[in-house]
Amino acid sequence: METTVIPKSSAVFKTLVRADMATLFSNRRSVVISLLVPLIILVSWKPLVKVMGGPFALSTAITIGLMAIGLMGYTLSVSRDRDKGIFQRLRVAPVPTWAIMSSRIFIQLVMIMVLTLLVFIVGYQYDKITLSTEGYLLTFGVAILGGAVYLSLGQLIVGLIKTAETINAVTRLTYFLFIMVGMFGEMGTLGPQVKEGVHWSPYGSVKLMLAASMEPAKWTHDTTITVWVCLGYIIVFAGIGIKKFKWNSK
């Protein structure tokens, strides 16, 4: 009598991570764009460093990169694989549901760390921006929290929308609006009401949190409130996105 050997969850997770990493490398163009856009902004904003400060430039670059990873990376890859029926085939295999999504989130977290490191390197080499050791370490942790905000927003989008074409349009529009309204609204060029709204939006909250983490001595009570706001975004976005998520596009 033959016995069915069910692989351990840890072994399955490692296999999925390797597969997702291979998929990431096969889509090198989107990866390069996700990493290149914030670096271009950081380089082009060199004249503003003396006016606005190093943390302003670094936090803006990282925030834009986090949006690209969470919206353009995670969301589009999930919607594409769902549309191709990959999730449906994985679910009939002896694979835990948590491992399917966790491997993808793990890859995005690696991307977040790579992005943050590249921004630090370019900021130091080109813009001559230096932070304290505590500032670098704290920013890494806060970048992961900020990335979770956009990953959960991406989960919300794929949870509420099924068709890959619509998801593609919505994520690109959201990405564009966050950048344009976020940057110009933060500077006050769109009026005081928009500036206040941007302050508590996912863009403004993540950026403020990142900027404060780069200068730990300037961490205030408002910054702590911003952290709680970001946690609230994660809970709401991820909660609805997971509840509404369908494993197939039908």
C-alpha atoms as a PDB file:
ATOM      1  CA  MET A   1       0.000   0.000   0.000  1.00  0.00           C
ATOM      2  CA  GLU A   2       1.449   3.327  -1.079  1.00  0.00           C
ATOM      3  CA  THR A   3       1.637   6.172   1.400  1.00  0.00           C
ATOM      4  CA  THR A   4       1.368   9.821   0.520  1.00  0.00           C
ATOM      5  CA  VAL A   5       4.218  11.921   1.849  1.00  0.00           C
ATOM      6  CA  ILE A   6       3.166  15.457   2.655  1.00  0.00           C
ATOM      7  CA  PRO A   7       6.131  17.861   2.652  1.00  0.00           C
ATOM      8  CA  LYS A   8       6.822  19.994   5.686  1.00  0.00           C
ATOM      9  CA  SER A   9       5.442  23.531   5.652  1.00  0.00           C
ATOM     10  CA  SER A  10       8.959  24.966   5.999  1.00  0.00           C
ATOM     11  CA  ALA A  11      10.145  23.024   2.929  1.00  0.00           C
ATOM     12  CA  VAL A  12       7.108  24.181   0.951  1.00  0.00           C
ATOM     13  CA  PHE A  13       7.727  27.783   1.971  1.00  0.00           C
ATOM     14  CA  LYS A  14      11.371  27.631   0.855  1.00  0.00           C
ATOM     15  CA  THR A  15      10.321  26.161  -2.485  1.00  0.00           C
ATOM     16  CA  LEU A  16       7.747  28.902  -3.011  1.00  0.00           C
ATOM     17  CA  VAL A  17      10.288  31.585  -2.103  1.00  0.00           C
ATOM     18  CA  ARG A  18      12.740  30.205  -4.677  1.00  0.00           C
ATOM     19  CA  ALA A  19       9.988  30.116  -7.298  1.00  0.00           C
ATOM     20  CA  ASP A  20       8.859  33.665  -6.511  1.00  0.00           C
ATOM     21  CA  MET A  21      12.463  34.871  -6.562  1.00  0.00           C
ATOM     22  CA  ALA A  22      12.926  33.300 -10.003  1.00  0.00           C
ATOM     23  CA  THR A  23       9.752  35.046 -11.168  1.00  0.00           C
ATOM     24  CA  LEU A  24      11.092  38.323  -9.798  1.00  0.00           C
ATOM     25  CA  PHE A  25      14.316  37.975 -11.777  1.00  0.00           C
ATOM     26  CA  SER A  26      12.367  37.075 -14.914  1.00  0.00           C
ATOM     27  CA  ASN A  27      10.537  40.417 -14.547  1.00  0.00           C
ATOM     28  CA  ARG A  28      13.734  42.409 -14.156  1.00  0.00           C
ATOM     29  CA  ARG A  29      12.367  45.383 -16.059  1.00  0.00           C
ATOM     30  CA  SER A  30       9.627  46.125 -13.514  1.00  0.00           C
ATOM     31  CA  VAL A  31      12.098  45.582 -10.663  1.00  0.00           C
ATOM     32  CA  VAL A  32      14.579  48.025 -12.162  1.00  0.00           C
ATOM     33  CA  ILE A  33      11.854  50.631 -12.688  1.00  0.00           C
ATOM     34  CA  SER A  34      10.647  50.243  -9.090  1.00  0.00           C
ATOM     35  CA  LEU A  35      14.174  50.863  -7.819  1.00  0.00           C
ATOM     36  CA  LEU A  36      15.257  53.408 -10.420  1.00  0.00           C
ATOM     37  CA  VAL A  37      12.411  55.941 -10.116  1.00  0.00           C
ATOM     38  CA  PRO A  38      13.073  56.872  -6.445  1.00  0.00           C
ATOM     39  CA  LEU A  39      16.826  57.055  -7.136  1.00  0.00           C
ATOM     40  CA  ILE A  40      16.263  59.425 -10.073  1.00  0.00           C
ATOM     41  CA  ILE A  41      14.111  61.628  -7.854  1.00  0.00           C
ATOM     42  CA  LEU A  42      16.783  61.587  -5.146  1.00  0.00           C
ATOM     43  CA  VAL A  43      19.499  62.606  -7.609  1.00  0.00           C
ATOM     44  CA  SER A  44      17.373  65.298  -9.270  1.00  0.00           C
ATOM     45  CA  TRP A  45      16.469  66.798  -5.889  1.00  0.00           C
ATOM     46  CA  LYS A  46      20.083  67.425  -4.905  1.00  0.00           C
ATOM     47  CA  PRO A  47      19.602  71.253  -4.951  1.00  0.00           C
ATOM     48  CA  LEU A  48      16.707  70.858  -2.468  1.00  0.00           C
ATOM     49  CA  VAL A  49      18.845  69.023   0.080  1.00  0.00           C
ATOM     50  CA  LYS A  50      20.380  72.254   1.362  1.00  0.00           C
ATOM     51  CA  VAL A  51      16.942  73.891   1.557  1.00  0.00           C
ATOM     52  CA  MET A  52      14.677  71.067   2.784  1.00  0.00           C
ATOM     53  CA  GLY A  53      17.280  68.863   4.469  1.00  0.00           C
ATOM     54  CA  GLY A  54      18.626  65.380   3.831  1.00  0.00           C
ATOM     55  CA  PRO A  55      15.822  63.472   5.616  1.00  0.00           C
ATOM     56  CA  PHE A  56      13.245  65.223   3.400  1.00  0.00           C
ATOM     57  CA  ALA A  57      14.933  63.975   0.221  1.00  0.00           C
ATOM     58  CA  LEU A  58      15.642  60.481   1.539  1.00  0.00           C
ATOM     59  CA  SER A  59      12.149  59.975   2.991  1.00  0.00           C
ATOM     60  CA  THR A  60      10.520  61.148  -0.255  1.00  0.00           C
ATOM     61  CA  ALA A  61      12.609  58.734  -2.336  1.00  0.00           C
ATOM     62  CA  ILE A  62      11.939  55.776  -0.036  1.00  0.00           C
ATOM     63  CA  THR A  63       8.210  56.549   0.143  1.00  0.00           C
ATOM     64  CA  ILE A  64       7.892  56.621  -3.638  1.00  0.00           C
ATOM     65  CA  GLY A  65       9.858  53.374  -3.849  1.00  0.00           C
ATOM     66  CA  LEU A  66       7.616  51.716  -1.277  1.00  0.00           C
ATOM     67  CA  MET A  67       4.575  52.709  -3.316  1.00  0.00           C
ATOM     68  CA  ALA A  68       6.098  51.162  -6.429  1.00  0.00           C
ATOM     69  CA  ILE A  69       6.892  47.907  -4.608  1.00  0.00           C
ATOM     70  CA  GLY A  70       3.515  47.609  -2.892  1.00  0.00           C
ATOM     71  CA  LEU A  71       1.289  48.774  -5.745  1.00  0.00           C
ATOM     72  CA  MET A  72       3.190  48.059  -8.952  1.00  0.00           C
ATOM     73  CA  GLY A  73       5.077  45.008  -7.707  1.00  0.00           C
ATOM     74  CA  TYR A  74       2.952  42.999  -5.293  1.00  0.00           C
ATOM     75  CA  THR A  75      -0.492  43.953  -6.592  1.00  0.00           C
ATOM     76  CA  LEU A  76       0.199  43.377 -10.270  1.00  0.00           C
ATOM     77  CA  SER A  77       2.023  40.084  -9.679  1.00  0.00           C
ATOM     78  CA  VAL A  78      -0.826  38.714  -7.549  1.00  0.00           C
ATOM     79  CA  SER A  79      -3.488  39.776 -10.048  1.00  0.00           C
ATOM     80  CA  ARG A  80      -1.466  38.333 -12.957  1.00  0.00           C
ATOM     81  CA  ASP A  81      -0.946  34.966 -11.258  1.00  0.00           C
ATOM     82  CA  ARG A  82      -4.581  34.788 -10.206  1.00  0.00           C
ATOM     83  CA  ASP A  83      -5.668  35.524 -13.761  1.00  0.00           C
ATOM     84  CA  LYS A  84      -3.392  32.715 -15.052  1.00  0.00           C
ATOM     85  CA  GLY A  85      -4.856  30.245 -12.548  1.00  0.00           C
ATOM     86  CA  ILE A  86      -1.589  29.759 -10.652  1.00  0.00           C
ATOM     87  CA  PHE A  87      -3.210  30.259  -7.256  1.00  0.00           C
ATOM     88  CA  GLN A  88      -5.953  27.786  -8.092  1.00  0.00           C
ATOM     89  CA  ARG A  89      -3.387  25.118  -8.986  1.00  0.00           C
ATOM     90  CA  LEU A  90      -1.380  25.789  -5.830  1.00  0.00           C
ATOM     91  CA  ARG A  91      -4.449  25.431  -3.640  1.00  0.00           C
ATOM     92  CA  VAL A  92      -5.171  21.893  -4.863  1.00  0.00           C
ATOM     93  CA  ALA A  93      -1.587  20.933  -4.032  1.00  0.00           C
ATOM     94  CA  PRO A  94      -0.500  20.089  -0.458  1.00  0.00           C
ATOM     95  CA  VAL A  95       0.500  23.719   0.128  1.00  0.00           C
ATOM     96  CA  PRO A  96      -0.683  25.719   3.159  1.00  0.00           C
ATOM     97  CA  THR A  97      -2.598  28.841   2.186  1.00  0.00           C
ATOM     98  CA  TRP A  98      -0.440  31.016   4.429  1.00  0.00           C
ATOM     99  CA  ALA A  99       2.712  29.854   2.620  1.00  0.00           C
ATOM    100  CA  ILE A 100       1.386  30.910  -0.793  1.00  0.00           C
ATOM    101  CA  MET A 101       0.974  34.556   0.181  1.00  0.00           C
ATOM    102  CA  SER A 102       3.747  34.708   2.784  1.00  0.00           C
ATOM    103  CA  SER A 103       6.394  33.809   0.217  1.00  0.00           C
ATOM    104  CA  ARG A 104       5.293  36.707  -1.972  1.00  0.00           C
ATOM    105  CA  ILE A 105       5.272  39.124   0.944  1.00  0.00           C
ATOM    106  CA  PHE A 106       8.732  37.915   1.949  1.00  0.00           C
ATOM    107  CA  ILE A 107      10.067  38.745  -1.529  1.00  0.00           C
ATOM    108  CA  GLN A 108       8.579  42.239  -1.293  1.00  0.00           C
ATOM    109  CA  LEU A 109      10.191  42.752   2.122  1.00  0.00           C
ATOM    110  CA  VAL A 110      13.556  41.861   0.576  1.00  0.00           C
ATOM    111  CA  MET A 111      12.852  44.438  -2.128  1.00  0.00           C
ATOM    112  CA  ILE A 112      12.068  47.038   0.550  1.00  0.00           C
ATOM    113  CA  MET A 113      15.402  46.425   2.267  1.00  0.00           C
ATOM    114  CA  VAL A 114      17.278  46.607  -1.054  1.00  0.00           C
ATOM    115  CA  LEU A 115      15.483  49.849  -1.939  1.00  0.00           C
ATOM    116  CA  THR A 116      16.275  51.436   1.423  1.00  0.00           C
ATOM    117  CA  LEU A 117      19.923  50.428   1.196  1.00  0.00           C
ATOM    118  CA  LEU A 118      20.259  51.819  -2.344  1.00  0.00           C
ATOM    119  CA  VAL A 119      18.674  55.136  -1.314  1.00  0.00           C
ATOM    120  CA  PHE A 120      21.127  55.403   1.587  1.00  0.00           C
ATOM    121  CA  ILE A 121      24.091  54.645  -0.682  1.00  0.00           C
ATOM    122  CA  VAL A 122      23.068  57.113  -3.420  1.00  0.00           C
ATOM    123  CA  GLY A 123      22.155  59.724  -0.809  1.00  0.00           C
ATOM    124  CA  TYR A 124      25.595  59.407   0.766  1.00  0.00           C
ATOM    125  CA  GLN A 125      27.655  59.166  -2.432  1.00  0.00           C
ATOM    126  CA  TYR A 126      25.838  61.785  -4.547  1.00  0.00           C
ATOM    127  CA  ASP A 127      23.946  64.086  -2.166  1.00  0.00           C
ATOM    128  CA  LYS A 128      26.429  63.764   0.726  1.00  0.00           C
ATOM    129  CA  ILE A 129      23.616  62.939   3.160  1.00  0.00           C
ATOM    130  CA  THR A 130      24.726  61.152   6.315  1.00  0.00           C
ATOM    131  CA  LEU A 131      22.680  59.844   9.210  1.00  0.00           C
ATOM    132  CA  SER A 132      23.598  58.488  12.618  1.00  0.00           C
ATOM    133  CA  THR A 133      23.906  54.742  13.115  1.00  0.00           C
ATOM    134  CA  GLU A 134      20.685  54.833  15.122  1.00  0.00           C
ATOM    135  CA  GLY A 135      19.008  56.758  12.307  1.00  0.00           C
ATOM    136  CA  TYR A 136      19.992  54.184   9.695  1.00  0.00           C
ATOM    137  CA  LEU A 137      18.813  51.243  11.801  1.00  0.00           C
ATOM    138  CA  LEU A 138      15.537  52.881  12.842  1.00  0.00           C
ATOM    139  CA  THR A 139      14.782  53.867   9.255  1.00  0.00           C
ATOM    140  CA  PHE A 140      15.173  50.262   8.110  1.00  0.00           C
ATOM    141  CA  GLY A 141      12.529  49.167  10.607  1.00  0.00           C
ATOM    142  CA  VAL A 142      10.197  52.033   9.765  1.00  0.00           C
ATOM    143  CA  ALA A 143      10.637  51.358   6.027  1.00  0.00           C
ATOM    144  CA  ILE A 144       9.310  47.834   6.570  1.00  0.00           C
ATOM    145  CA  LEU A 145       6.304  49.254   8.439  1.00  0.00           C
ATOM    146  CA  GLY A 146       5.738  51.804   5.670  1.00  0.00           C
ATOM    147  CA  GLY A 147       6.071  49.088   3.062  1.00  0.00           C
ATOM    148  CA  ALA A 148       3.425  47.077   4.903  1.00  0.00           C
ATOM    149  CA  VAL A 149       1.025  50.019   4.453  1.00  0.00           C
ATOM    150  CA  TYR A 150       1.338  49.843   0.674  1.00  0.00           C
ATOM    151  CA  LEU A 151       1.363  46.050   0.580  1.00  0.00           C
ATOM    152  CA  SER A 152      -1.910  46.048   2.515  1.00  0.00           C
ATOM    153  CA  LEU A 153      -3.282  48.708   0.139  1.00  0.00           C
ATOM    154  CA  GLY A 154      -2.309  46.462  -2.756  1.00  0.00           C
ATOM    155  CA  GLN A 155      -4.066  43.559  -1.036  1.00  0.00           C
ATOM    156  CA  LEU A 156      -7.171  45.740  -0.729  1.00  0.00           C
ATOM    157  CA  ILE A 157      -7.121  46.463  -4.456  1.00  0.00           C
ATOM    158  CA  VAL A 158      -6.765  42.803  -5.507  1.00  0.00           C
ATOM    159  CA  GLY A 159      -9.391  41.877  -2.934  1.00  0.00           C
ATOM    160  CA  LEU A 160     -12.017  44.283  -4.253  1.00  0.00           C
ATOM    161  CA  ILE A 161     -11.202  44.006  -7.972  1.00  0.00           C
ATOM    162  CA  LYS A 162     -10.949  40.734  -9.895  1.00  0.00           C
ATOM    163  CA  THR A 163      -9.945  41.607 -13.463  1.00  0.00           C
ATOM    164  CA  ALA A 164      -6.222  42.091 -14.068  1.00  0.00           C
ATOM    165  CA  GLU A 165      -6.768  44.893 -16.596  1.00  0.00           C
ATOM    166  CA  THR A 166      -8.800  46.970 -14.128  1.00  0.00           C
ATOM    167  CA  ILE A 167      -6.298  46.327 -11.345  1.00  0.00           C
ATOM    168  CA  ASN A 168      -3.494  47.459 -13.632  1.00  0.00           C
ATOM    169  CA  ALA A 169      -5.313  50.727 -14.371  1.00  0.00           C
ATOM    170  CA  VAL A 170      -6.289  51.358 -10.744  1.00  0.00           C
ATOM    171  CA  THR A 171      -2.802  50.734  -9.346  1.00  0.00           C
ATOM    172  CA  ARG A 172      -1.129  52.989 -11.907  1.00  0.00           C
ATOM    173  CA  LEU A 173      -3.672  55.754 -11.280  1.00  0.00           C
ATOM    174  CA  THR A 174      -3.278  55.420  -7.511  1.00  0.00           C
ATOM    175  CA  TYR A 175       0.517  55.477  -7.831  1.00  0.00           C
ATOM    176  CA  PHE A 176       0.391  58.617  -9.985  1.00  0.00           C
ATOM    177  CA  LEU A 177      -2.077  60.424  -7.706  1.00  0.00           C
ATOM    178  CA  PHE A 178      -0.082  59.604  -4.574  1.00  0.00           C
ATOM    179  CA  ILE A 179       3.087  61.013  -6.125  1.00  0.00           C
ATOM    180  CA  MET A 180       1.626  64.163  -7.655  1.00  0.00           C
ATOM    181  CA  VAL A 181      -0.913  65.089  -4.979  1.00  0.00           C
ATOM    182  CA  GLY A 182       1.407  63.907  -2.215  1.00  0.00           C
ATOM    183  CA  MET A 183       4.477  65.899  -3.233  1.00  0.00           C
ATOM    184  CA  PHE A 184       2.725  69.107  -4.317  1.00  0.00           C
ATOM    185  CA  GLY A 185       0.126  68.913  -1.558  1.00  0.00           C
ATOM    186  CA  GLU A 186       2.808  68.479   1.080  1.00  0.00           C
ATOM    187  CA  MET A 187       4.508  71.664  -0.097  1.00  0.00           C
ATOM    188  CA  GLY A 188       1.225  73.592   0.252  1.00  0.00           C
ATOM    189  CA  THR A 189       0.870  74.428  -3.432  1.00  0.00           C
ATOM    190  CA  LEU A 190      -2.608  72.819  -3.570  1.00  0.00           C
ATOM    191  CA  GLY A 191      -3.993  74.702  -0.561  1.00  0.00           C
ATOM    192  CA  PRO A 192      -4.058  74.209   3.220  1.00  0.00           C
ATOM    193  CA  GLN A 193      -6.931  71.696   3.163  1.00  0.00           C
ATOM    194  CA  VAL A 194      -5.114  69.402   0.742  1.00  0.00           C
ATOM    195  CA  LYS A 195      -1.899  69.791   2.718  1.00  0.00           C
ATOM    196  CA  GLU A 196      -3.667  68.654   5.899  1.00  0.00           C
ATOM    197  CA  GLY A 197      -5.268  65.742   4.062  1.00  0.00           C
ATOM    198  CA  VAL A 198      -1.921  64.661   2.599  1.00  0.00           C
ATOM    199  CA  HIS A 199      -0.388  64.807   6.068  1.00  0.00           C
ATOM    200  CA  TRP A 200      -2.645  61.971   7.294  1.00  0.00           C
ATOM    201  CA  SER A 201      -2.814  60.067   4.001  1.00  0.00           C
ATOM    202  CA  PRO A 202      -0.767  56.876   3.471  1.00  0.00           C
ATOM    203  CA  TYR A 203       1.766  58.968   1.532  1.00  0.00           C
ATOM    204  CA  GLY A 204       2.137  61.694   4.147  1.00  0.00           C
ATOM    205  CA  SER A 205       2.025  59.380   7.156  1.00  0.00           C
ATOM    206  CA  VAL A 206       4.716  57.041   5.818  1.00  0.00           C
ATOM    207  CA  LYS A 207       6.925  59.938   4.700  1.00  0.00           C
ATOM    208  CA  LEU A 208       6.642  61.766   8.038  1.00  0.00           C
ATOM    209  CA  MET A 209       7.410  58.560   9.909  1.00  0.00           C
ATOM    210  CA  LEU A 210      10.481  57.908   7.746  1.00  0.00           C
ATOM    211  CA  ALA A 211      11.810  61.462   8.053  1.00  0.00           C
ATOM    212  CA  ALA A 212      11.486  61.350  11.844  1.00  0.00           C
ATOM    213  CA  SER A 213      13.224  57.968  12.055  1.00  0.00           C
ATOM    214  CA  MET A 214      16.261  59.441  10.269  1.00  0.00           C
ATOM    215  CA  GLU A 215      16.637  61.976  13.073  1.00  0.00           C
ATOM    216  CA  PRO A 216      15.592  60.082  16.220  1.00  0.00           C
ATOM    217  CA  ALA A 217      16.162  63.185  18.387  1.00  0.00           C
ATOM    218  CA  LYS A 218      13.317  64.910  16.512  1.00  0.00           C
ATOM    219  CA  TRP A 219      10.836  62.054  17.092  1.00  0.00           C
ATOM    220  CA  THR A 220       7.740  63.696  18.603  1.00  0.00           C
ATOM    221  CA  HIS A 221       4.326  62.740  19.924  1.00  0.00           C
ATOM    222  CA  ASP A 222       2.850  63.546  16.497  1.00  0.00           C
ATOM    223  CA  THR A 223       5.251  61.035  14.960  1.00  0.00           C
ATOM    224  CA  THR A 224       4.058  58.356  17.378  1.00  0.00           C
ATOM    225  CA  ILE A 225       0.476  59.148  16.382  1.00  0.00           C
ATOM    226  CA  THR A 226       1.518  58.742  12.751  1.00  0.00           C
ATOM    227  CA  VAL A 227       2.824  55.259  13.546  1.00  0.00           C
ATOM    228  CA  TRP A 228      -0.573  54.336  14.979  1.00  0.00           C
ATOM    229  CA  VAL A 229      -2.263  55.802  11.888  1.00  0.00           C
ATOM    230  CA  CYS A 230      -0.093  53.583   9.675  1.00  0.00           C
ATOM    231  CA  LEU A 231      -0.941  50.533  11.795  1.00  0.00           C
ATOM    232  CA  GLY A 232      -4.608  51.455  11.386  1.00  0.00           C
ATOM    233  CA  TYR A 233      -4.196  51.595   7.614  1.00  0.00           C
ATOM    234  CA  ILE A 234      -2.560  48.163   7.635  1.00  0.00           C
ATOM    235  CA  ILE A 235      -5.310  46.587   9.755  1.00  0.00           C
ATOM    236  CA  VAL A 236      -8.160  48.078   7.700  1.00  0.00           C
ATOM    237  CA  PHE A 237      -6.642  47.570   4.242  1.00  0.00           C
ATOM    238  CA  ALA A 238      -5.324  44.070   4.911  1.00  0.00           C
ATOM    239  CA  GLY A 239      -8.446  43.001   6.803  1.00  0.00           C
ATOM    240  CA  ILE A 240     -10.804  43.960   3.981  1.00  0.00           C
ATOM    241  CA  GLY A 241      -8.393  42.810   1.270  1.00  0.00           C
ATOM    242  CA  ILE A 242      -7.922  39.352   2.772  1.00  0.00           C
ATOM    243  CA  LYS A 243     -11.634  38.914   3.485  1.00  0.00           C
ATOM    244  CA  LYS A 244     -12.660  39.881  -0.056  1.00  0.00           C
ATOM    245  CA  PHE A 245      -9.814  38.122  -1.865  1.00  0.00           C
ATOM    246  CA  LYS A 246     -10.767  35.437  -4.363  1.00  0.00           C
ATOM    247  CA  TRP A 247      -8.294  32.775  -5.491  1.00  0.00           C
ATOM    248  CA  ASN A 248      -9.595  32.857  -9.062  1.00  0.00           C
ATOM    249  CA  SER A 249     -10.705  35.689 -11.360  1.00  0.00           C
ATOM    250  CA  LYS A 250     -14.130  34.169 -12.121  1.00  0.00           C
END
